[in-house]
Amino acid sequence: HHIHPIRPVIRIPILALTPLTRPVST
């Protein structure tokens, strides 16, 4: 198969999610 970059760029954000009801642990 072939892989090509896309223009205009279609950007996907990457997030870390945690519950607001609990503090974030070490």
mmCIF file of all heavy atoms, coordinates in Angstrom:
data_MODEL
# 
_entry.id   MODEL 
# 
loop_
_atom_site.group_PDB 
_atom_site.id 
_atom_site.type_symbol 
_atom_site.label_atom_id 
_atom_site.label_alt_id 
_atom_site.label_comp_id 
_atom_site.label_asym_id 
_atom_site.label_entity_id 
_atom_site.label_seq_id 
_atom_site.pdbx_PDB_ins_code 
_atom_site.Cartn_x 
_atom_site.Cartn_y 
_atom_site.Cartn_z 
_atom_site.occupancy 
_atom_site.B_iso_or_equiv 
_atom_site.pdbx_formal_charge 
_atom_site.auth_seq_id 
_atom_site.auth_comp_id 
_atom_site.auth_asym_id 
_atom_site.auth_atom_id 
_atom_site.pdbx_PDB_model_num 
ATOM 1   N N   . HIS A 1 1  ? 0.854   -1.184 0.000  1.00 0.00 ? 1  HIS A N   1 
ATOM 2   C CA  . HIS A 1 1  ? 0.000   0.000  0.000  1.00 0.00 ? 1  HIS A CA  1 
ATOM 3   C C   . HIS A 1 1  ? 0.895   1.240  0.000  1.00 0.00 ? 1  HIS A C   1 
ATOM 4   O O   . HIS A 1 1  ? 2.102   1.149  0.209  1.00 0.00 ? 1  HIS A O   1 
ATOM 5   C CB  . HIS A 1 1  ? -0.923  0.014  1.219  1.00 0.00 ? 1  HIS A CB  1 
ATOM 6   C CG  . HIS A 1 1  ? -0.174  -0.019 2.519  1.00 0.00 ? 1  HIS A CG  1 
ATOM 7   N ND1 . HIS A 1 1  ? 0.274   -1.197 3.094  1.00 0.00 ? 1  HIS A ND1 1 
ATOM 8   C CD2 . HIS A 1 1  ? 0.233   0.983  3.351  1.00 0.00 ? 1  HIS A CD2 1 
ATOM 9   C CE1 . HIS A 1 1  ? 0.902   -0.922 4.217  1.00 0.00 ? 1  HIS A CE1 1 
ATOM 10  N NE2 . HIS A 1 1  ? 0.902   0.384  4.393  1.00 0.00 ? 1  HIS A NE2 1 
ATOM 11  N N   . HIS A 1 2  ? 0.285   2.375  -0.240 1.00 0.00 ? 2  HIS A N   1 
ATOM 12  C CA  . HIS A 1 2  ? 1.003   3.647  -0.220 1.00 0.00 ? 2  HIS A CA  1 
ATOM 13  C C   . HIS A 1 2  ? 0.416   4.529  0.874  1.00 0.00 ? 2  HIS A C   1 
ATOM 14  O O   . HIS A 1 2  ? -0.787  4.514  1.132  1.00 0.00 ? 2  HIS A O   1 
ATOM 15  C CB  . HIS A 1 2  ? 0.894   4.355  -1.571 1.00 0.00 ? 2  HIS A CB  1 
ATOM 16  C CG  . HIS A 1 2  ? 1.446   3.574  -2.718 1.00 0.00 ? 2  HIS A CG  1 
ATOM 17  N ND1 . HIS A 1 2  ? 2.746   3.117  -2.746 1.00 0.00 ? 2  HIS A ND1 1 
ATOM 18  C CD2 . HIS A 1 2  ? 0.878   3.154  -3.874 1.00 0.00 ? 2  HIS A CD2 1 
ATOM 19  C CE1 . HIS A 1 2  ? 2.961   2.458  -3.869 1.00 0.00 ? 2  HIS A CE1 1 
ATOM 20  N NE2 . HIS A 1 2  ? 1.837   2.461  -4.571 1.00 0.00 ? 2  HIS A NE2 1 
ATOM 21  N N   . ILE A 1 3  ? 1.289   5.323  1.497  1.00 0.00 ? 3  ILE A N   1 
ATOM 22  C CA  . ILE A 1 3  ? 0.860   6.276  2.516  1.00 0.00 ? 3  ILE A CA  1 
ATOM 23  C C   . ILE A 1 3  ? 1.313   7.668  2.076  1.00 0.00 ? 3  ILE A C   1 
ATOM 24  O O   . ILE A 1 3  ? 2.484   7.862  1.729  1.00 0.00 ? 3  ILE A O   1 
ATOM 25  C CB  . ILE A 1 3  ? 1.451   5.933  3.895  1.00 0.00 ? 3  ILE A CB  1 
ATOM 26  C CG1 . ILE A 1 3  ? 0.984   4.551  4.348  1.00 0.00 ? 3  ILE A CG1 1 
ATOM 27  C CG2 . ILE A 1 3  ? 1.042   6.980  4.931  1.00 0.00 ? 3  ILE A CG2 1 
ATOM 28  C CD1 . ILE A 1 3  ? 1.605   4.090  5.661  1.00 0.00 ? 3  ILE A CD1 1 
ATOM 29  N N   . HIS A 1 4  ? 0.387   8.602  2.065  1.00 0.00 ? 4  HIS A N   1 
ATOM 30  C CA  . HIS A 1 4  ? 0.689   9.970  1.631  1.00 0.00 ? 4  HIS A CA  1 
ATOM 31  C C   . HIS A 1 4  ? 0.273   10.965 2.712  1.00 0.00 ? 4  HIS A C   1 
ATOM 32  O O   . HIS A 1 4  ? -0.793  10.803 3.325  1.00 0.00 ? 4  HIS A O   1 
ATOM 33  C CB  . HIS A 1 4  ? -0.088  10.322 0.358  1.00 0.00 ? 4  HIS A CB  1 
ATOM 34  C CG  . HIS A 1 4  ? 0.117   9.377  -0.778 1.00 0.00 ? 4  HIS A CG  1 
ATOM 35  N ND1 . HIS A 1 4  ? 1.069   9.569  -1.759 1.00 0.00 ? 4  HIS A ND1 1 
ATOM 36  C CD2 . HIS A 1 4  ? -0.518  8.217  -1.095 1.00 0.00 ? 4  HIS A CD2 1 
ATOM 37  C CE1 . HIS A 1 4  ? 1.009   8.576  -2.636 1.00 0.00 ? 4  HIS A CE1 1 
ATOM 38  N NE2 . HIS A 1 4  ? 0.053   7.747  -2.265 1.00 0.00 ? 4  HIS A NE2 1 
ATOM 39  N N   . PRO A 1 5  ? 1.051   12.021 2.948  1.00 0.00 ? 5  PRO A N   1 
ATOM 40  C CA  . PRO A 1 5  ? 0.581   13.121 3.801  1.00 0.00 ? 5  PRO A CA  1 
ATOM 41  C C   . PRO A 1 5  ? -0.626  13.801 3.144  1.00 0.00 ? 5  PRO A C   1 
ATOM 42  O O   . PRO A 1 5  ? -0.793  13.739 1.926  1.00 0.00 ? 5  PRO A O   1 
ATOM 43  C CB  . PRO A 1 5  ? 1.787   14.066 3.865  1.00 0.00 ? 5  PRO A CB  1 
ATOM 44  C CG  . PRO A 1 5  ? 2.958   13.241 3.428  1.00 0.00 ? 5  PRO A CG  1 
ATOM 45  C CD  . PRO A 1 5  ? 2.421   12.238 2.462  1.00 0.00 ? 5  PRO A CD  1 
ATOM 46  N N   . ILE A 1 6  ? -1.458  14.445 3.950  1.00 0.00 ? 6  ILE A N   1 
ATOM 47  C CA  . ILE A 1 6  ? -2.655  15.124 3.455  1.00 0.00 ? 6  ILE A CA  1 
ATOM 48  C C   . ILE A 1 6  ? -2.475  16.625 3.592  1.00 0.00 ? 6  ILE A C   1 
ATOM 49  O O   . ILE A 1 6  ? -1.990  17.118 4.614  1.00 0.00 ? 6  ILE A O   1 
ATOM 50  C CB  . ILE A 1 6  ? -3.906  14.672 4.247  1.00 0.00 ? 6  ILE A CB  1 
ATOM 51  C CG1 . ILE A 1 6  ? -4.151  13.174 4.055  1.00 0.00 ? 6  ILE A CG1 1 
ATOM 52  C CG2 . ILE A 1 6  ? -5.136  15.463 3.825  1.00 0.00 ? 6  ILE A CG2 1 
ATOM 53  C CD1 . ILE A 1 6  ? -5.255  12.624 4.949  1.00 0.00 ? 6  ILE A CD1 1 
ATOM 54  N N   . ARG A 1 7  ? -2.880  17.351 2.549  1.00 0.00 ? 7  ARG A N   1 
ATOM 55  C CA  . ARG A 1 7  ? -2.914  18.810 2.598  1.00 0.00 ? 7  ARG A CA  1 
ATOM 56  C C   . ARG A 1 7  ? -4.239  19.288 2.009  1.00 0.00 ? 7  ARG A C   1 
ATOM 57  O O   . ARG A 1 7  ? -4.627  18.793 0.966  1.00 0.00 ? 7  ARG A O   1 
ATOM 58  C CB  . ARG A 1 7  ? -1.748  19.427 1.807  1.00 0.00 ? 7  ARG A CB  1 
ATOM 59  C CG  . ARG A 1 7  ? -0.389  19.166 2.401  1.00 0.00 ? 7  ARG A CG  1 
ATOM 60  C CD  . ARG A 1 7  ? -0.211  19.875 3.754  1.00 0.00 ? 7  ARG A CD  1 
ATOM 61  N NE  . ARG A 1 7  ? 1.135   19.687 4.282  1.00 0.00 ? 7  ARG A NE  1 
ATOM 62  C CZ  . ARG A 1 7  ? 1.527   18.653 4.986  1.00 0.00 ? 7  ARG A CZ  1 
ATOM 63  N NH1 . ARG A 1 7  ? 0.664   17.689 5.259  1.00 0.00 ? 7  ARG A NH1 1 
ATOM 64  N NH2 . ARG A 1 7  ? 2.763   18.565 5.423  1.00 0.00 ? 7  ARG A NH2 1 
ATOM 65  N N   . PRO A 1 8  ? -4.942  20.201 2.634  1.00 0.00 ? 8  PRO A N   1 
ATOM 66  C CA  . PRO A 1 8  ? -4.632  20.808 3.934  1.00 0.00 ? 8  PRO A CA  1 
ATOM 67  C C   . PRO A 1 8  ? -4.632  19.762 5.066  1.00 0.00 ? 8  PRO A C   1 
ATOM 68  O O   . PRO A 1 8  ? -5.307  18.750 4.971  1.00 0.00 ? 8  PRO A O   1 
ATOM 69  C CB  . PRO A 1 8  ? -5.770  21.819 4.133  1.00 0.00 ? 8  PRO A CB  1 
ATOM 70  C CG  . PRO A 1 8  ? -6.347  22.034 2.774  1.00 0.00 ? 8  PRO A CG  1 
ATOM 71  C CD  . PRO A 1 8  ? -6.176  20.738 2.046  1.00 0.00 ? 8  PRO A CD  1 
ATOM 72  N N   . VAL A 1 9  ? -3.872  20.071 6.089  1.00 0.00 ? 9  VAL A N   1 
ATOM 73  C CA  . VAL A 1 9  ? -3.700  19.147 7.208  1.00 0.00 ? 9  VAL A CA  1 
ATOM 74  C C   . VAL A 1 9  ? -5.034  18.904 7.924  1.00 0.00 ? 9  VAL A C   1 
ATOM 75  O O   . VAL A 1 9  ? -5.817  19.826 8.145  1.00 0.00 ? 9  VAL A O   1 
ATOM 76  C CB  . VAL A 1 9  ? -2.656  19.716 8.208  1.00 0.00 ? 9  VAL A CB  1 
ATOM 77  C CG1 . VAL A 1 9  ? -2.657  18.909 9.500  1.00 0.00 ? 9  VAL A CG1 1 
ATOM 78  C CG2 . VAL A 1 9  ? -1.276  19.715 7.580  1.00 0.00 ? 9  VAL A CG2 1 
ATOM 79  N N   . ILE A 1 10 ? -5.277  17.650 8.249  1.00 0.00 ? 10 ILE A N   1 
ATOM 80  C CA  . ILE A 1 10 ? -6.415  17.276 9.110  1.00 0.00 ? 10 ILE A CA  1 
ATOM 81  C C   . ILE A 1 10 ? -5.806  16.797 10.426 1.00 0.00 ? 10 ILE A C   1 
ATOM 82  O O   . ILE A 1 10 ? -5.202  15.726 10.487 1.00 0.00 ? 10 ILE A O   1 
ATOM 83  C CB  . ILE A 1 10 ? -7.285  16.179 8.483  1.00 0.00 ? 10 ILE A CB  1 
ATOM 84  C CG1 . ILE A 1 10 ? -7.757  16.593 7.083  1.00 0.00 ? 10 ILE A CG1 1 
ATOM 85  C CG2 . ILE A 1 10 ? -8.482  15.886 9.386  1.00 0.00 ? 10 ILE A CG2 1 
ATOM 86  C CD1 . ILE A 1 10 ? -8.540  15.515 6.356  1.00 0.00 ? 10 ILE A CD1 1 
ATOM 87  N N   . ARG A 1 11 ? -5.956  17.571 11.452 1.00 0.00 ? 11 ARG A N   1 
ATOM 88  C CA  . ARG A 1 11 ? -5.218  17.357 12.701 1.00 0.00 ? 11 ARG A CA  1 
ATOM 89  C C   . ARG A 1 11 ? -6.106  16.715 13.770 1.00 0.00 ? 11 ARG A C   1 
ATOM 90  O O   . ARG A 1 11 ? -7.238  17.157 13.998 1.00 0.00 ? 11 ARG A O   1 
ATOM 91  C CB  . ARG A 1 11 ? -4.663  18.686 13.201 1.00 0.00 ? 11 ARG A CB  1 
ATOM 92  C CG  . ARG A 1 11 ? -3.771  18.606 14.412 1.00 0.00 ? 11 ARG A CG  1 
ATOM 93  C CD  . ARG A 1 11 ? -2.789  19.764 14.405 1.00 0.00 ? 11 ARG A CD  1 
ATOM 94  N NE  . ARG A 1 11 ? -1.775  19.583 13.354 1.00 0.00 ? 11 ARG A NE  1 
ATOM 95  C CZ  . ARG A 1 11 ? -0.869  20.497 13.037 1.00 0.00 ? 11 ARG A CZ  1 
ATOM 96  N NH1 . ARG A 1 11 ? -0.840  21.653 13.670 1.00 0.00 ? 11 ARG A NH1 1 
ATOM 97  N NH2 . ARG A 1 11 ? 0.018   20.256 12.091 1.00 0.00 ? 11 ARG A NH2 1 
ATOM 98  N N   . ILE A 1 12 ? -5.559  15.683 14.434 1.00 0.00 ? 12 ILE A N   1 
ATOM 99  C CA  . ILE A 1 12 ? -6.270  14.982 15.509 1.00 0.00 ? 12 ILE A CA  1 
ATOM 100 C C   . ILE A 1 12 ? -5.582  15.299 16.838 1.00 0.00 ? 12 ILE A C   1 
ATOM 101 O O   . ILE A 1 12 ? -4.405  14.968 17.016 1.00 0.00 ? 12 ILE A O   1 
ATOM 102 C CB  . ILE A 1 12 ? -6.258  13.457 15.294 1.00 0.00 ? 12 ILE A CB  1 
ATOM 103 C CG1 . ILE A 1 12 ? -6.840  13.093 13.927 1.00 0.00 ? 12 ILE A CG1 1 
ATOM 104 C CG2 . ILE A 1 12 ? -7.026  12.750 16.409 1.00 0.00 ? 12 ILE A CG2 1 
ATOM 105 C CD1 . ILE A 1 12 ? -6.673  11.627 13.575 1.00 0.00 ? 12 ILE A CD1 1 
ATOM 106 N N   . PRO A 1 13 ? -6.271  15.931 17.788 1.00 0.00 ? 13 PRO A N   1 
ATOM 107 C CA  . PRO A 1 13 ? -5.650  16.191 19.093 1.00 0.00 ? 13 PRO A CA  1 
ATOM 108 C C   . PRO A 1 13 ? -5.580  14.913 19.921 1.00 0.00 ? 13 PRO A C   1 
ATOM 109 O O   . PRO A 1 13 ? -6.382  13.995 19.738 1.00 0.00 ? 13 PRO A O   1 
ATOM 110 C CB  . PRO A 1 13 ? -6.609  17.205 19.736 1.00 0.00 ? 13 PRO A CB  1 
ATOM 111 C CG  . PRO A 1 13 ? -7.931  16.888 19.123 1.00 0.00 ? 13 PRO A CG  1 
ATOM 112 C CD  . PRO A 1 13 ? -7.647  16.426 17.712 1.00 0.00 ? 13 PRO A CD  1 
ATOM 113 N N   . ILE A 1 14 ? -4.615  14.854 20.808 1.00 0.00 ? 14 ILE A N   1 
ATOM 114 C CA  . ILE A 1 14 ? -4.480  13.712 21.723 1.00 0.00 ? 14 ILE A CA  1 
ATOM 115 C C   . ILE A 1 14 ? -4.554  14.244 23.144 1.00 0.00 ? 14 ILE A C   1 
ATOM 116 O O   . ILE A 1 14 ? -3.750  15.086 23.547 1.00 0.00 ? 14 ILE A O   1 
ATOM 117 C CB  . ILE A 1 14 ? -3.171  12.950 21.483 1.00 0.00 ? 14 ILE A CB  1 
ATOM 118 C CG1 . ILE A 1 14 ? -3.141  12.430 20.039 1.00 0.00 ? 14 ILE A CG1 1 
ATOM 119 C CG2 . ILE A 1 14 ? -3.032  11.796 22.464 1.00 0.00 ? 14 ILE A CG2 1 
ATOM 120 C CD1 . ILE A 1 14 ? -1.852  11.790 19.645 1.00 0.00 ? 14 ILE A CD1 1 
ATOM 121 N N   . LEU A 1 15 ? -5.532  13.747 23.899 1.00 0.00 ? 15 LEU A N   1 
ATOM 122 C CA  . LEU A 1 15 ? -5.809  14.271 25.229 1.00 0.00 ? 15 LEU A CA  1 
ATOM 123 C C   . LEU A 1 15 ? -5.683  13.191 26.286 1.00 0.00 ? 15 LEU A C   1 
ATOM 124 O O   . LEU A 1 15 ? -5.978  12.016 26.038 1.00 0.00 ? 15 LEU A O   1 
ATOM 125 C CB  . LEU A 1 15 ? -7.237  14.839 25.286 1.00 0.00 ? 15 LEU A CB  1 
ATOM 126 C CG  . LEU A 1 15 ? -7.654  15.863 24.227 1.00 0.00 ? 15 LEU A CG  1 
ATOM 127 C CD1 . LEU A 1 15 ? -9.105  16.237 24.424 1.00 0.00 ? 15 LEU A CD1 1 
ATOM 128 C CD2 . LEU A 1 15 ? -6.768  17.094 24.291 1.00 0.00 ? 15 LEU A CD2 1 
ATOM 129 N N   . ALA A 1 16 ? -5.242  13.611 27.471 1.00 0.00 ? 16 ALA A N   1 
ATOM 130 C CA  . ALA A 1 16 ? -5.320  12.771 28.659 1.00 0.00 ? 16 ALA A CA  1 
ATOM 131 C C   . ALA A 1 16 ? -6.496  13.293 29.488 1.00 0.00 ? 16 ALA A C   1 
ATOM 132 O O   . ALA A 1 16 ? -6.549  14.476 29.817 1.00 0.00 ? 16 ALA A O   1 
ATOM 133 C CB  . ALA A 1 16 ? -4.030  12.838 29.461 1.00 0.00 ? 16 ALA A CB  1 
ATOM 134 N N   . LEU A 1 17 ? -7.434  12.409 29.821 1.00 0.00 ? 17 LEU A N   1 
ATOM 135 C CA  . LEU A 1 17 ? -8.652  12.794 30.530 1.00 0.00 ? 17 LEU A CA  1 
ATOM 136 C C   . LEU A 1 17 ? -8.698  12.132 31.898 1.00 0.00 ? 17 LEU A C   1 
ATOM 137 O O   . LEU A 1 17 ? -8.371  10.949 32.040 1.00 0.00 ? 17 LEU A O   1 
ATOM 138 C CB  . LEU A 1 17 ? -9.886  12.376 29.723 1.00 0.00 ? 17 LEU A CB  1 
ATOM 139 C CG  . LEU A 1 17 ? -9.973  12.875 28.274 1.00 0.00 ? 17 LEU A CG  1 
ATOM 140 C CD1 . LEU A 1 17 ? -11.158 12.242 27.568 1.00 0.00 ? 17 LEU A CD1 1 
ATOM 141 C CD2 . LEU A 1 17 ? -10.085 14.388 28.246 1.00 0.00 ? 17 LEU A CD2 1 
ATOM 142 N N   . THR A 1 18 ? -9.113  12.890 32.908 1.00 0.00 ? 18 THR A N   1 
ATOM 143 C CA  . THR A 1 18 ? -9.298  12.360 34.261 1.00 0.00 ? 18 THR A CA  1 
ATOM 144 C C   . THR A 1 18 ? -10.575 12.945 34.856 1.00 0.00 ? 18 THR A C   1 
ATOM 145 O O   . THR A 1 18 ? -10.987 14.045 34.490 1.00 0.00 ? 18 THR A O   1 
ATOM 146 C CB  . THR A 1 18 ? -8.107  12.701 35.179 1.00 0.00 ? 18 THR A CB  1 
ATOM 147 O OG1 . THR A 1 18 ? -7.847  14.111 35.113 1.00 0.00 ? 18 THR A OG1 1 
ATOM 148 C CG2 . THR A 1 18 ? -6.849  11.942 34.767 1.00 0.00 ? 18 THR A CG2 1 
ATOM 149 N N   . PRO A 1 19 ? -11.222 12.218 35.782 1.00 0.00 ? 19 PRO A N   1 
ATOM 150 C CA  . PRO A 1 19 ? -12.477 12.699 36.371 1.00 0.00 ? 19 PRO A CA  1 
ATOM 151 C C   . PRO A 1 19 ? -12.242 13.907 37.286 1.00 0.00 ? 19 PRO A C   1 
ATOM 152 O O   . PRO A 1 19 ? -11.299 13.919 38.088 1.00 0.00 ? 19 PRO A O   1 
ATOM 153 C CB  . PRO A 1 19 ? -12.983 11.503 37.177 1.00 0.00 ? 19 PRO A CB  1 
ATOM 154 C CG  . PRO A 1 19 ? -12.187 10.338 36.715 1.00 0.00 ? 19 PRO A CG  1 
ATOM 155 C CD  . PRO A 1 19 ? -10.874 10.865 36.249 1.00 0.00 ? 19 PRO A CD  1 
ATOM 156 N N   . LEU A 1 20 ? -13.092 14.893 37.173 1.00 0.00 ? 20 LEU A N   1 
ATOM 157 C CA  . LEU A 1 20 ? -13.007 16.070 38.044 1.00 0.00 ? 20 LEU A CA  1 
ATOM 158 C C   . LEU A 1 20 ? -13.413 15.744 39.474 1.00 0.00 ? 20 LEU A C   1 
ATOM 159 O O   . LEU A 1 20 ? -13.081 16.476 40.401 1.00 0.00 ? 20 LEU A O   1 
ATOM 160 C CB  . LEU A 1 20 ? -13.903 17.184 37.510 1.00 0.00 ? 20 LEU A CB  1 
ATOM 161 C CG  . LEU A 1 20 ? -13.321 18.055 36.384 1.00 0.00 ? 20 LEU A CG  1 
ATOM 162 C CD1 . LEU A 1 20 ? -14.394 18.968 35.822 1.00 0.00 ? 20 LEU A CD1 1 
ATOM 163 C CD2 . LEU A 1 20 ? -12.135 18.855 36.884 1.00 0.00 ? 20 LEU A CD2 1 
ATOM 164 N N   . THR A 1 21 ? -14.132 14.649 39.669 1.00 0.00 ? 21 THR A N   1 
ATOM 165 C CA  . THR A 1 21 ? -14.615 14.294 41.003 1.00 0.00 ? 21 THR A CA  1 
ATOM 166 C C   . THR A 1 21 ? -13.530 13.699 41.889 1.00 0.00 ? 21 THR A C   1 
ATOM 167 O O   . THR A 1 21 ? -13.739 13.524 43.077 1.00 0.00 ? 21 THR A O   1 
ATOM 168 C CB  . THR A 1 21 ? -15.765 13.275 40.896 1.00 0.00 ? 21 THR A CB  1 
ATOM 169 O OG1 . THR A 1 21 ? -15.336 12.165 40.085 1.00 0.00 ? 21 THR A OG1 1 
ATOM 170 C CG2 . THR A 1 21 ? -16.993 13.914 40.264 1.00 0.00 ? 21 THR A CG2 1 
ATOM 171 N N   . ARG A 1 22 ? -12.363 13.379 41.292 1.00 0.00 ? 22 ARG A N   1 
ATOM 172 C CA  . ARG A 1 22 ? -11.262 12.804 42.075 1.00 0.00 ? 22 ARG A CA  1 
ATOM 173 C C   . ARG A 1 22 ? -9.973  13.542 41.756 1.00 0.00 ? 22 ARG A C   1 
ATOM 174 O O   . ARG A 1 22 ? -9.743  13.905 40.590 1.00 0.00 ? 22 ARG A O   1 
ATOM 175 C CB  . ARG A 1 22 ? -11.078 11.311 41.761 1.00 0.00 ? 22 ARG A CB  1 
ATOM 176 C CG  . ARG A 1 22 ? -12.282 10.459 42.060 1.00 0.00 ? 22 ARG A CG  1 
ATOM 177 C CD  . ARG A 1 22 ? -11.942 8.973  42.043 1.00 0.00 ? 22 ARG A CD  1 
ATOM 178 N NE  . ARG A 1 22 ? -11.414 8.522  40.775 1.00 0.00 ? 22 ARG A NE  1 
ATOM 179 C CZ  . ARG A 1 22 ? -12.180 8.149  39.748 1.00 0.00 ? 22 ARG A CZ  1 
ATOM 180 N NH1 . ARG A 1 22 ? -13.484 8.207  39.831 1.00 0.00 ? 22 ARG A NH1 1 
ATOM 181 N NH2 . ARG A 1 22 ? -11.629 7.724  38.624 1.00 0.00 ? 22 ARG A NH2 1 
ATOM 182 N N   . PRO A 1 23 ? -9.122  13.765 42.758 1.00 0.00 ? 23 PRO A N   1 
ATOM 183 C CA  . PRO A 1 23 ? -7.824  14.396 42.475 1.00 0.00 ? 23 PRO A CA  1 
ATOM 184 C C   . PRO A 1 23 ? -6.953  13.461 41.652 1.00 0.00 ? 23 PRO A C   1 
ATOM 185 O O   . PRO A 1 23 ? -7.084  12.238 41.727 1.00 0.00 ? 23 PRO A O   1 
ATOM 186 C CB  . PRO A 1 23 ? -7.228  14.637 43.863 1.00 0.00 ? 23 PRO A CB  1 
ATOM 187 C CG  . PRO A 1 23 ? -7.905  13.635 44.754 1.00 0.00 ? 23 PRO A CG  1 
ATOM 188 C CD  . PRO A 1 23 ? -9.288  13.461 44.205 1.00 0.00 ? 23 PRO A CD  1 
ATOM 189 N N   . VAL A 1 24 ? -6.075  14.038 40.857 1.00 0.00 ? 24 VAL A N   1 
ATOM 190 C CA  . VAL A 1 24 ? -5.165  13.233 40.027 1.00 0.00 ? 24 VAL A CA  1 
ATOM 191 C C   . VAL A 1 24 ? -4.065  12.665 40.919 1.00 0.00 ? 24 VAL A C   1 
ATOM 192 O O   . VAL A 1 24 ? -3.355  13.400 41.599 1.00 0.00 ? 24 VAL A O   1 
ATOM 193 C CB  . VAL A 1 24 ? -4.552  14.076 38.901 1.00 0.00 ? 24 VAL A CB  1 
ATOM 194 C CG1 . VAL A 1 24 ? -3.615  13.231 38.045 1.00 0.00 ? 24 VAL A CG1 1 
ATOM 195 C CG2 . VAL A 1 24 ? -5.658  14.675 38.032 1.00 0.00 ? 24 VAL A CG2 1 
ATOM 196 N N   . SER A 1 25 ? -3.919  11.357 40.933 1.00 0.00 ? 25 SER A N   1 
ATOM 197 C CA  . SER A 1 25 ? -2.926  10.710 41.791 1.00 0.00 ? 25 SER A CA  1 
ATOM 198 C C   . SER A 1 25 ? -1.545  10.774 41.171 1.00 0.00 ? 25 SER A C   1 
ATOM 199 O O   . SER A 1 25 ? -1.375  11.010 39.960 1.00 0.00 ? 25 SER A O   1 
ATOM 200 C CB  . SER A 1 25 ? -3.304  9.244  42.021 1.00 0.00 ? 25 SER A CB  1 
ATOM 201 O OG  . SER A 1 25 ? -3.214  8.517  40.805 1.00 0.00 ? 25 SER A OG  1 
ATOM 202 N N   . THR A 1 26 ? -0.526  10.567 42.011 1.00 0.00 ? 26 THR A N   1 
ATOM 203 C CA  . THR A 1 26 ? 0.852   10.474 41.523 1.00 0.00 ? 26 THR A CA  1 
ATOM 204 C C   . THR A 1 26 ? 0.986   9.336  40.526 1.00 0.00 ? 26 THR A C   1 
ATOM 205 O O   . THR A 1 26 ? 1.725   9.425  39.540 1.00 0.00 ? 26 THR A O   1 
ATOM 206 C CB  . THR A 1 26 ? 1.812   10.254 42.702 1.00 0.00 ? 26 THR A CB  1 
ATOM 207 O OG1 . THR A 1 26 ? 1.642   11.310 43.647 1.00 0.00 ? 26 THR A OG1 1 
ATOM 208 C CG2 . THR A 1 26 ? 3.259   10.214 42.238 1.00 0.00 ? 26 THR A CG2 1 
# 
